[in-house]
Amino acid sequence: MENKPEVNVSKFVGRHLSQLKILARLFEHELEAAKGAREVTMDRHLIENALDTLEIFTDDCEAVSGISRERAKMDQKPVVARLN
């Protein structure tokens, strides 16, 4: 039997939500900098870092919950839509 270290959920969630809050503030800042323009231009490096942050968050949450991406993909059953 594997002994998983006990996870303090409130600290885990707080630490990871802080990353998402920073990301949200970044996007708010970019929108504010655009001053109501219909299009917002962002640096590619900035978007790559935002994606990395989201991937780290989801990977850590999956690790804590015991769900792996491969297992989640395998468990999904195909859905058939019927049009009558």
N, C-alpha and C. Protein backbone atom coordinates (compact mmCIF):
# COMPACT_ATOMS: atom_id res chain seq x y z
N MET A 1 0.84 -1.19 0.00
CA MET A 1 0.00 0.00 0.00
C MET A 1 0.87 1.24 0.00
N GLU A 2 0.50 2.19 -0.79
CA GLU A 2 1.25 3.44 -0.85
C GLU A 2 0.78 4.38 0.26
N ASN A 3 1.73 5.04 0.87
CA ASN A 3 1.39 6.05 1.87
C ASN A 3 1.53 7.41 1.22
N LYS A 4 0.40 8.04 0.95
CA LYS A 4 0.43 9.38 0.38
C LYS A 4 0.61 10.38 1.51
N PRO A 5 1.45 11.37 1.30
CA PRO A 5 1.56 12.40 2.33
C PRO A 5 0.23 13.15 2.43
N GLU A 6 -0.14 13.46 3.66
CA GLU A 6 -1.41 14.16 3.87
C GLU A 6 -1.31 15.58 3.32
N VAL A 7 -2.31 15.97 2.58
CA VAL A 7 -2.31 17.27 1.93
C VAL A 7 -3.21 18.21 2.72
N ASN A 8 -2.67 19.37 3.08
CA ASN A 8 -3.48 20.39 3.71
C ASN A 8 -4.22 21.10 2.59
N VAL A 9 -5.49 20.78 2.46
CA VAL A 9 -6.27 21.26 1.31
C VAL A 9 -6.36 22.77 1.27
N SER A 10 -6.58 23.40 2.41
CA SER A 10 -6.73 24.86 2.39
C SER A 10 -5.45 25.56 1.94
N LYS A 11 -4.30 25.06 2.37
CA LYS A 11 -3.03 25.65 1.93
C LYS A 11 -2.81 25.39 0.45
N PHE A 12 -3.12 24.17 0.02
CA PHE A 12 -2.95 23.81 -1.38
C PHE A 12 -3.80 24.70 -2.27
N VAL A 13 -5.07 24.81 -1.93
CA VAL A 13 -5.98 25.62 -2.75
C VAL A 13 -5.58 27.09 -2.70
N GLY A 14 -5.25 27.60 -1.53
CA GLY A 14 -4.83 29.00 -1.41
C GLY A 14 -3.60 29.32 -2.22
N ARG A 15 -2.65 28.42 -2.20
CA ARG A 15 -1.40 28.63 -2.94
C ARG A 15 -1.66 28.63 -4.45
N HIS A 16 -2.53 27.75 -4.91
CA HIS A 16 -2.80 27.66 -6.33
C HIS A 16 -3.79 28.72 -6.81
N LEU A 17 -4.72 29.09 -5.97
CA LEU A 17 -5.63 30.16 -6.36
C LEU A 17 -4.91 31.48 -6.47
N SER A 18 -3.86 31.67 -5.69
CA SER A 18 -3.10 32.91 -5.79
C SER A 18 -2.47 33.04 -7.17
N GLN A 19 -2.04 31.92 -7.77
CA GLN A 19 -1.50 31.96 -9.13
C GLN A 19 -2.56 32.40 -10.12
N LEU A 20 -3.78 31.88 -9.96
CA LEU A 20 -4.85 32.25 -10.88
C LEU A 20 -5.29 33.70 -10.67
N LYS A 21 -5.23 34.18 -9.44
CA LYS A 21 -5.57 35.59 -9.18
C LYS A 21 -4.58 36.52 -9.85
N ILE A 22 -3.31 36.16 -9.79
CA ILE A 22 -2.28 36.96 -10.46
C ILE A 22 -2.51 36.96 -11.96
N LEU A 23 -2.86 35.82 -12.50
CA LEU A 23 -3.14 35.71 -13.93
C LEU A 23 -4.35 36.56 -14.31
N ALA A 24 -5.39 36.54 -13.49
CA ALA A 24 -6.58 37.35 -13.74
C ALA A 24 -6.23 38.85 -13.70
N ARG A 25 -5.40 39.25 -12.73
CA ARG A 25 -4.98 40.66 -12.65
C ARG A 25 -4.17 41.07 -13.87
N LEU A 26 -3.35 40.16 -14.36
CA LEU A 26 -2.57 40.44 -15.56
C LEU A 26 -3.49 40.71 -16.74
N PHE A 27 -4.50 39.85 -16.93
CA PHE A 27 -5.43 40.05 -18.03
C PHE A 27 -6.25 41.33 -17.85
N GLU A 28 -6.64 41.64 -16.61
CA GLU A 28 -7.34 42.90 -16.35
C GLU A 28 -6.46 44.09 -16.73
N HIS A 29 -5.19 44.01 -16.38
CA HIS A 29 -4.25 45.10 -16.71
C HIS A 29 -4.13 45.27 -18.23
N GLU A 30 -4.03 44.15 -18.95
CA GLU A 30 -3.92 44.23 -20.41
C GLU A 30 -5.18 44.83 -21.03
N LEU A 31 -6.34 44.46 -20.50
CA LEU A 31 -7.59 45.05 -21.00
C LEU A 31 -7.65 46.54 -20.70
N GLU A 32 -7.22 46.94 -19.53
CA GLU A 32 -7.22 48.35 -19.15
C GLU A 32 -6.23 49.13 -20.03
N ALA A 33 -5.10 48.52 -20.34
CA ALA A 33 -4.10 49.18 -21.17
C ALA A 33 -4.62 49.39 -22.59
N ALA A 34 -5.53 48.54 -23.02
CA ALA A 34 -6.09 48.67 -24.37
C ALA A 34 -7.09 49.82 -24.45
N LYS A 35 -7.56 50.31 -23.33
CA LYS A 35 -8.47 51.46 -23.24
C LYS A 35 -9.69 51.33 -24.13
N GLY A 36 -10.39 50.24 -23.99
CA GLY A 36 -11.66 50.08 -24.70
C GLY A 36 -11.55 49.70 -26.15
N ALA A 37 -10.35 49.41 -26.61
CA ALA A 37 -10.18 48.98 -28.00
C ALA A 37 -10.82 47.60 -28.19
N ARG A 38 -11.29 47.35 -29.37
CA ARG A 38 -11.94 46.06 -29.65
C ARG A 38 -10.95 44.90 -29.62
N GLU A 39 -9.71 45.14 -29.98
CA GLU A 39 -8.69 44.11 -29.98
C GLU A 39 -7.63 44.42 -28.94
N VAL A 40 -7.11 43.36 -28.33
CA VAL A 40 -6.05 43.48 -27.33
C VAL A 40 -4.82 42.75 -27.87
N THR A 41 -3.69 43.41 -27.86
CA THR A 41 -2.45 42.80 -28.34
C THR A 41 -1.62 42.41 -27.13
N MET A 42 -1.21 41.13 -27.11
CA MET A 42 -0.38 40.64 -26.01
C MET A 42 0.87 39.99 -26.59
N ASP A 43 1.93 40.09 -25.86
CA ASP A 43 3.20 39.49 -26.24
C ASP A 43 3.08 37.97 -26.18
N ARG A 44 3.65 37.28 -27.15
CA ARG A 44 3.59 35.82 -27.21
C ARG A 44 4.17 35.19 -25.94
N HIS A 45 5.26 35.74 -25.45
CA HIS A 45 5.90 35.23 -24.24
C HIS A 45 4.94 35.31 -23.05
N LEU A 46 4.18 36.37 -22.97
CA LEU A 46 3.22 36.56 -21.89
C LEU A 46 2.12 35.49 -21.94
N ILE A 47 1.63 35.20 -23.13
CA ILE A 47 0.59 34.18 -23.29
C ILE A 47 1.16 32.79 -22.97
N GLU A 48 2.39 32.51 -23.40
CA GLU A 48 3.00 31.22 -23.08
C GLU A 48 3.13 31.05 -21.57
N ASN A 49 3.52 32.10 -20.86
CA ASN A 49 3.63 32.02 -19.40
C ASN A 49 2.26 31.81 -18.75
N ALA A 50 1.23 32.45 -19.29
CA ALA A 50 -0.12 32.27 -18.75
C ALA A 50 -0.58 30.82 -18.95
N LEU A 51 -0.31 30.26 -20.11
CA LEU A 51 -0.65 28.86 -20.36
C LEU A 51 0.12 27.92 -19.44
N ASP A 52 1.40 28.21 -19.21
CA ASP A 52 2.19 27.40 -18.29
C ASP A 52 1.58 27.42 -16.89
N THR A 53 1.15 28.59 -16.45
CA THR A 53 0.53 28.72 -15.14
C THR A 53 -0.73 27.87 -15.04
N LEU A 54 -1.57 27.92 -16.07
CA LEU A 54 -2.79 27.11 -16.07
C LEU A 54 -2.48 25.62 -16.10
N GLU A 55 -1.48 25.22 -16.87
CA GLU A 55 -1.11 23.81 -16.94
C GLU A 55 -0.56 23.31 -15.61
N ILE A 56 0.25 24.11 -14.95
CA ILE A 56 0.76 23.73 -13.63
C ILE A 56 -0.38 23.56 -12.65
N PHE A 57 -1.32 24.48 -12.68
CA PHE A 57 -2.48 24.40 -11.78
C PHE A 57 -3.27 23.12 -12.02
N THR A 58 -3.59 22.82 -13.28
CA THR A 58 -4.38 21.63 -13.56
C THR A 58 -3.60 20.35 -13.26
N ASP A 59 -2.30 20.33 -13.56
CA ASP A 59 -1.49 19.15 -13.26
C ASP A 59 -1.43 18.89 -11.76
N ASP A 60 -1.23 19.94 -10.98
CA ASP A 60 -1.17 19.78 -9.53
C ASP A 60 -2.51 19.32 -8.96
N CYS A 61 -3.59 19.87 -9.47
CA CYS A 61 -4.91 19.46 -8.99
C CYS A 61 -5.19 18.00 -9.35
N GLU A 62 -4.79 17.59 -10.55
CA GLU A 62 -4.97 16.19 -10.94
C GLU A 62 -4.11 15.27 -10.08
N ALA A 63 -2.90 15.69 -9.75
CA ALA A 63 -2.02 14.87 -8.93
C ALA A 63 -2.60 14.68 -7.53
N VAL A 64 -3.14 15.74 -6.97
CA VAL A 64 -3.71 15.65 -5.63
C VAL A 64 -4.98 14.82 -5.63
N SER A 65 -5.78 14.95 -6.67
CA SER A 65 -7.04 14.21 -6.72
C SER A 65 -6.85 12.77 -7.19
N GLY A 66 -5.65 12.45 -7.69
CA GLY A 66 -5.36 11.09 -8.13
C GLY A 66 -5.83 10.79 -9.53
N ILE A 67 -6.13 11.80 -10.30
CA ILE A 67 -6.59 11.62 -11.67
C ILE A 67 -5.44 11.95 -12.60
N SER A 68 -5.17 11.06 -13.53
CA SER A 68 -4.16 11.36 -14.55
C SER A 68 -4.87 11.68 -15.85
N ARG A 69 -4.23 12.43 -16.69
CA ARG A 69 -4.84 12.82 -17.97
C ARG A 69 -5.12 11.59 -18.83
N GLU A 70 -4.16 10.65 -18.85
CA GLU A 70 -4.35 9.46 -19.67
C GLU A 70 -5.53 8.64 -19.18
N ARG A 71 -5.64 8.47 -17.88
CA ARG A 71 -6.75 7.70 -17.32
C ARG A 71 -8.08 8.39 -17.56
N ALA A 72 -8.08 9.71 -17.45
CA ALA A 72 -9.31 10.46 -17.68
C ALA A 72 -9.74 10.34 -19.14
N LYS A 73 -8.78 10.33 -20.05
CA LYS A 73 -9.11 10.19 -21.47
C LYS A 73 -9.64 8.79 -21.76
N MET A 74 -9.06 7.78 -21.13
CA MET A 74 -9.48 6.40 -21.36
C MET A 74 -10.86 6.14 -20.78
N ASP A 75 -11.18 6.77 -19.68
CA ASP A 75 -12.46 6.55 -19.02
C ASP A 75 -13.63 7.19 -19.75
N GLN A 76 -13.35 8.15 -20.62
CA GLN A 76 -14.43 8.83 -21.32
C GLN A 76 -14.99 7.91 -22.39
N LYS A 77 -16.30 7.76 -22.35
CA LYS A 77 -16.97 6.94 -23.36
C LYS A 77 -17.41 7.85 -24.49
N PRO A 78 -17.36 7.34 -25.71
CA PRO A 78 -17.81 8.17 -26.83
C PRO A 78 -19.30 8.44 -26.72
N VAL A 79 -19.68 9.63 -27.10
CA VAL A 79 -21.08 10.06 -27.05
C VAL A 79 -21.62 10.07 -28.46
N VAL A 80 -22.77 9.44 -28.63
CA VAL A 80 -23.41 9.40 -29.93
C VAL A 80 -24.66 10.27 -29.88
N ALA A 81 -24.73 11.22 -30.77
CA ALA A 81 -25.90 12.11 -30.82
C ALA A 81 -26.85 11.58 -31.88
N ARG A 82 -28.10 11.48 -31.54
CA ARG A 82 -29.10 11.04 -32.50
C ARG A 82 -29.95 12.23 -32.92
N LEU A 83 -30.10 12.38 -34.19
CA LEU A 83 -30.94 13.43 -34.72
C LEU A 83 -32.18 12.79 -35.31
N ASN A 84 -33.31 13.01 -34.65
CA ASN A 84 -34.57 12.42 -35.14
C ASN A 84 -35.42 13.48 -35.80
